[in-house]
Amino acid sequence: MSTHKFFFIHNYKVLGTTIYSQLPYSYNKLFNGYRTINDIIDKNPGIQLNKLPNIDLDKKMSIDHLHIDVIIALGLIKIPLKEIKFMMIMRDPIERFVSICNYQAMIHEKGRQKRAKEVFFQDGNTMEKNIANLKNNIGDNFYQHKFVKNKNNINVELFKMEDKIGIINFFNQFGINMNLDIKKNVSIKKYNICDISHEDMMFLKKFYKEDYDLYNSI
């Protein structure tokens, strides 16, 4: 179980790898990595987790992408929730969408298929295909607000990606010196916002309205 007084919600393609690379080992061995629940148990002697009907203990998954409700249900966080500060970093929704497309393109070009069974990491998706999937409600919708909504009445502190001082100060209160000049997991820039047609841009702005509302409230 975690004894840390903070929890970092990994909103993918928003500084996640950079942040995790500087978090304590004791935190990462609980909450980070593409691995199984049994691997977490092996690396944290004495830990006792709850069995969930939809979680296979031997199936590899991105632990850092599990929703906070699942993390809590598993029992990875045991100390009172009111004593923990939850945080997530947000990015302009369309900029983030383009970054996701670039990441998928990088996976395809490098032939990295170790996460091919996960929707977000499916290899070979073009930006045009991703937009078509969104229009047809296929696969991951890439919403950011879904990571914040929860059943445990948790208030998540939000930061915009460009708010480096705010992010650094958040981790400083837990004795963690965060250097955001370190760049990790940077994608090849195959796509740019200017590659999106006017029609698709209007669609994406409407599709990500709830994300924009949340982003603009920060």
Protein backbone atom coordinates (compact mmCIF):
# COMPACT_ATOMS: atom_id res chain seq x y z
CA MET A 1 0.00 0.00 0.00
CA SER A 2 1.09 3.57 -0.60
CA THR A 3 2.36 5.74 2.23
CA HIS A 4 2.83 8.71 -0.09
CA LYS A 5 0.71 11.79 0.51
CA PHE A 6 0.18 12.52 -3.17
CA PHE A 7 -1.11 10.70 -6.22
CA PHE A 8 -0.15 11.65 -9.78
CA ILE A 9 -2.86 10.93 -12.35
CA HIS A 10 -1.12 10.06 -15.60
CA ASN A 11 -2.99 11.88 -18.36
CA TYR A 12 -1.24 10.32 -21.35
CA LYS A 13 0.97 12.44 -23.57
CA VAL A 14 1.14 15.13 -20.90
CA LEU A 15 4.59 14.95 -19.23
CA GLY A 16 3.87 11.54 -17.73
CA THR A 17 7.19 9.85 -18.47
CA THR A 18 9.09 12.99 -17.46
CA ILE A 19 7.29 13.07 -14.11
CA TYR A 20 7.60 9.34 -13.37
CA SER A 21 11.32 9.38 -14.14
CA GLN A 22 11.80 11.70 -11.14
CA LEU A 23 9.37 10.19 -8.64
CA PRO A 24 10.66 7.97 -5.80
CA TYR A 25 11.31 4.31 -6.55
CA SER A 26 8.90 3.37 -3.77
CA TYR A 27 6.14 5.22 -5.63
CA ASN A 28 6.99 3.85 -9.07
CA LYS A 29 7.10 0.23 -7.97
CA LEU A 30 3.47 0.61 -6.91
CA PHE A 31 1.96 2.82 -9.59
CA ASN A 32 4.08 2.83 -12.72
CA GLY A 33 4.90 0.50 -15.58
CA TYR A 34 3.47 -1.92 -18.11
CA ARG A 35 3.18 -5.04 -15.97
CA THR A 36 0.84 -7.32 -14.07
CA ILE A 37 -0.84 -6.88 -10.70
CA ASN A 38 1.08 -9.94 -9.53
CA ASP A 39 4.30 -8.10 -10.41
CA ILE A 40 3.24 -5.29 -8.08
CA ILE A 41 2.63 -7.85 -5.33
CA ASP A 42 6.06 -9.43 -5.95
CA LYS A 43 7.86 -6.09 -5.82
CA ASN A 44 6.05 -4.91 -2.69
CA PRO A 45 6.40 -7.67 -0.06
CA GLY A 46 3.56 -7.76 2.42
CA ILE A 47 1.12 -5.88 0.23
CA GLN A 48 -2.41 -7.24 0.16
CA LEU A 49 -4.63 -6.23 -2.74
CA ASN A 50 -8.31 -6.75 -3.37
CA LYS A 51 -9.43 -9.02 -6.19
CA LEU A 52 -11.60 -7.30 -8.78
CA PRO A 53 -13.79 -9.27 -11.22
CA ASN A 54 -12.57 -7.34 -14.26
CA ILE A 55 -8.86 -7.38 -13.39
CA ASP A 56 -6.70 -10.36 -14.39
CA LEU A 57 -3.78 -10.54 -11.97
CA ASP A 58 -1.55 -12.10 -14.65
CA LYS A 59 -2.43 -9.77 -17.53
CA LYS A 60 0.01 -7.00 -18.36
CA MET A 61 -1.47 -3.51 -18.35
CA SER A 62 -0.34 0.06 -17.99
CA ILE A 63 -0.65 0.45 -14.23
CA ASP A 64 -0.11 4.20 -14.49
CA HIS A 65 -3.15 4.50 -16.77
CA LEU A 66 -5.57 2.79 -14.40
CA HIS A 67 -8.36 5.08 -13.20
CA ILE A 68 -8.08 6.30 -9.62
CA ASP A 69 -11.31 4.47 -8.72
CA VAL A 70 -9.66 1.20 -9.81
CA ILE A 71 -6.45 2.03 -7.93
CA ILE A 72 -8.50 2.61 -4.78
CA ALA A 73 -10.67 -0.49 -5.30
CA LEU A 74 -7.53 -2.62 -5.65
CA GLY A 75 -6.31 -1.32 -2.31
CA LEU A 76 -3.14 0.30 -3.61
CA ILE A 77 -4.03 3.40 -1.61
CA LYS A 78 -4.84 2.63 2.01
CA ILE A 79 -4.32 5.82 3.98
CA PRO A 80 -7.41 8.08 4.26
CA LEU A 81 -8.13 9.68 0.90
CA LYS A 82 -8.63 13.08 2.53
CA GLU A 83 -4.93 12.99 3.51
CA ILE A 84 -3.79 12.58 -0.10
CA LYS A 85 -3.41 15.35 -2.66
CA PHE A 86 -4.40 14.17 -6.13
CA MET A 87 -3.10 16.03 -9.15
CA MET A 88 -3.29 15.87 -12.93
CA ILE A 89 -1.68 17.90 -15.68
CA MET A 90 -3.84 18.94 -18.63
CA ARG A 91 -2.94 19.91 -22.17
CA ASP A 92 -4.82 21.78 -24.88
CA PRO A 93 -7.09 18.96 -26.14
CA ILE A 94 -6.31 19.29 -29.83
CA GLU A 95 -2.57 19.69 -29.25
CA ARG A 96 -2.73 16.54 -27.13
CA PHE A 97 -4.70 14.69 -29.79
CA VAL A 98 -2.03 15.52 -32.37
CA SER A 99 0.66 14.35 -29.93
CA ILE A 100 -1.18 11.03 -29.48
CA CYS A 101 -1.27 10.61 -33.27
CA ASN A 102 2.46 11.35 -33.45
CA TYR A 103 3.16 8.82 -30.71
CA GLN A 104 1.22 6.13 -32.53
CA ALA A 105 3.09 6.99 -35.73
CA MET A 106 6.39 6.63 -33.85
CA ILE A 107 5.37 3.19 -32.60
CA HIS A 108 4.51 2.13 -36.14
CA GLU A 109 7.73 3.45 -37.62
CA LYS A 110 9.92 1.82 -34.97
CA GLY A 111 8.01 -1.45 -35.11
CA ARG A 112 7.26 -1.35 -31.39
CA GLN A 113 4.23 -3.52 -30.85
CA LYS A 114 4.60 -4.62 -27.23
CA ARG A 115 1.46 -2.67 -26.29
CA ALA A 116 -0.51 -3.32 -29.47
CA LYS A 117 -3.41 -4.91 -27.58
CA GLU A 118 -4.23 -1.66 -25.83
CA VAL A 119 -6.41 0.75 -27.79
CA PHE A 120 -4.30 3.80 -27.02
CA PHE A 121 -1.13 2.03 -28.13
CA GLN A 122 -2.51 0.40 -31.27
CA ASP A 123 0.09 0.72 -33.92
CA GLY A 124 -0.51 1.94 -37.46
CA ASN A 125 -3.24 4.50 -36.72
CA THR A 126 -3.01 7.64 -38.83
CA MET A 127 -4.42 10.96 -37.69
CA GLU A 128 -7.15 10.67 -40.31
CA LYS A 129 -8.07 7.21 -39.02
CA ASN A 130 -8.18 8.43 -35.43
CA ILE A 131 -10.54 11.27 -36.38
CA ALA A 132 -12.73 8.83 -38.28
CA ASN A 133 -12.77 6.55 -35.22
CA LEU A 134 -13.85 9.43 -33.01
CA LYS A 135 -16.66 10.31 -35.42
CA ASN A 136 -17.84 6.69 -35.39
CA ASN A 137 -17.36 6.11 -31.65
CA ILE A 138 -14.67 3.48 -32.22
CA GLY A 139 -11.87 2.84 -29.72
CA ASP A 140 -10.51 5.31 -27.19
CA ASN A 141 -12.05 8.78 -27.21
CA PHE A 142 -8.89 10.26 -25.62
CA TYR A 143 -10.94 12.38 -23.19
CA GLN A 144 -9.01 14.03 -20.37
CA HIS A 145 -11.98 14.72 -18.11
CA LYS A 146 -12.60 10.97 -17.67
CA PHE A 147 -9.45 10.72 -15.54
CA VAL A 148 -10.79 13.34 -13.11
CA LYS A 149 -14.37 12.09 -12.73
CA ASN A 150 -14.54 9.56 -9.93
CA LYS A 151 -16.87 7.79 -7.50
CA ASN A 152 -14.81 8.61 -4.42
CA ASN A 153 -15.55 12.35 -4.24
CA ILE A 154 -11.88 13.13 -4.83
CA ASN A 155 -11.00 16.70 -5.68
CA VAL A 156 -8.17 16.63 -8.22
CA GLU A 157 -5.81 19.60 -8.39
CA LEU A 158 -5.32 20.51 -12.05
CA PHE A 159 -2.38 22.20 -13.76
CA LYS A 160 -1.91 23.27 -17.35
CA MET A 161 1.15 21.71 -18.94
CA GLU A 162 2.75 25.10 -19.44
CA ASP A 163 2.41 25.95 -15.72
CA LYS A 164 5.87 24.69 -14.86
CA ILE A 165 6.13 26.68 -11.64
CA GLY A 166 2.82 25.31 -10.36
CA ILE A 167 3.79 21.72 -11.18
CA ILE A 168 7.23 22.08 -9.62
CA ASN A 169 5.76 23.64 -6.46
CA PHE A 170 3.23 20.81 -6.14
CA PHE A 171 5.97 18.18 -5.96
CA ASN A 172 8.27 20.36 -3.85
CA GLN A 173 5.82 20.15 -0.93
CA PHE A 174 6.56 16.40 -0.85
CA GLY A 175 10.31 16.85 -1.00
CA ILE A 176 10.56 16.04 -4.72
CA ASN A 177 12.63 18.31 -6.94
CA MET A 178 11.04 18.16 -10.37
CA ASN A 179 13.05 19.25 -13.44
CA LEU A 180 10.61 19.79 -16.30
CA ASP A 181 13.42 20.62 -18.72
CA ILE A 182 14.07 16.88 -18.88
CA LYS A 183 12.31 15.54 -21.96
CA LYS A 184 11.22 11.91 -21.97
CA ASN A 185 9.25 9.88 -24.51
CA VAL A 186 9.18 12.70 -27.08
CA SER A 187 7.29 11.73 -30.23
CA ILE A 188 8.39 12.18 -33.82
CA LYS A 189 6.56 15.19 -35.28
CA LYS A 190 4.81 13.56 -38.21
CA TYR A 191 1.58 15.51 -37.79
CA ASN A 192 0.86 19.13 -36.96
CA ILE A 193 -2.34 21.00 -36.13
CA CYS A 194 -2.19 22.61 -39.56
CA ASP A 195 -2.70 19.14 -41.07
CA ILE A 196 -6.25 19.08 -39.68
CA SER A 197 -8.90 20.26 -42.12
CA HIS A 198 -11.29 23.06 -41.15
CA GLU A 199 -14.19 20.61 -41.01
CA ASP A 200 -12.29 18.18 -38.78
CA MET A 201 -11.08 21.05 -36.58
CA MET A 202 -14.67 22.11 -35.97
CA PHE A 203 -15.54 18.51 -35.14
CA LEU A 204 -12.64 18.14 -32.68
CA LYS A 205 -13.47 21.39 -30.89
CA LYS A 206 -17.03 20.21 -30.39
CA PHE A 207 -15.97 16.66 -29.53
CA TYR A 208 -13.58 17.90 -26.84
CA LYS A 209 -15.86 20.62 -25.49
CA GLU A 210 -15.98 19.10 -22.00
CA ASP A 211 -12.19 18.82 -21.97
CA TYR A 212 -11.89 22.45 -23.10
CA ASP A 213 -14.34 23.56 -20.42
CA LEU A 214 -12.24 21.81 -17.76
CA TYR A 215 -8.96 23.04 -19.25
CA ASN A 216 -10.18 26.65 -19.40
CA SER A 217 -11.39 26.48 -15.78
CA ILE A 218 -7.83 26.05 -14.48
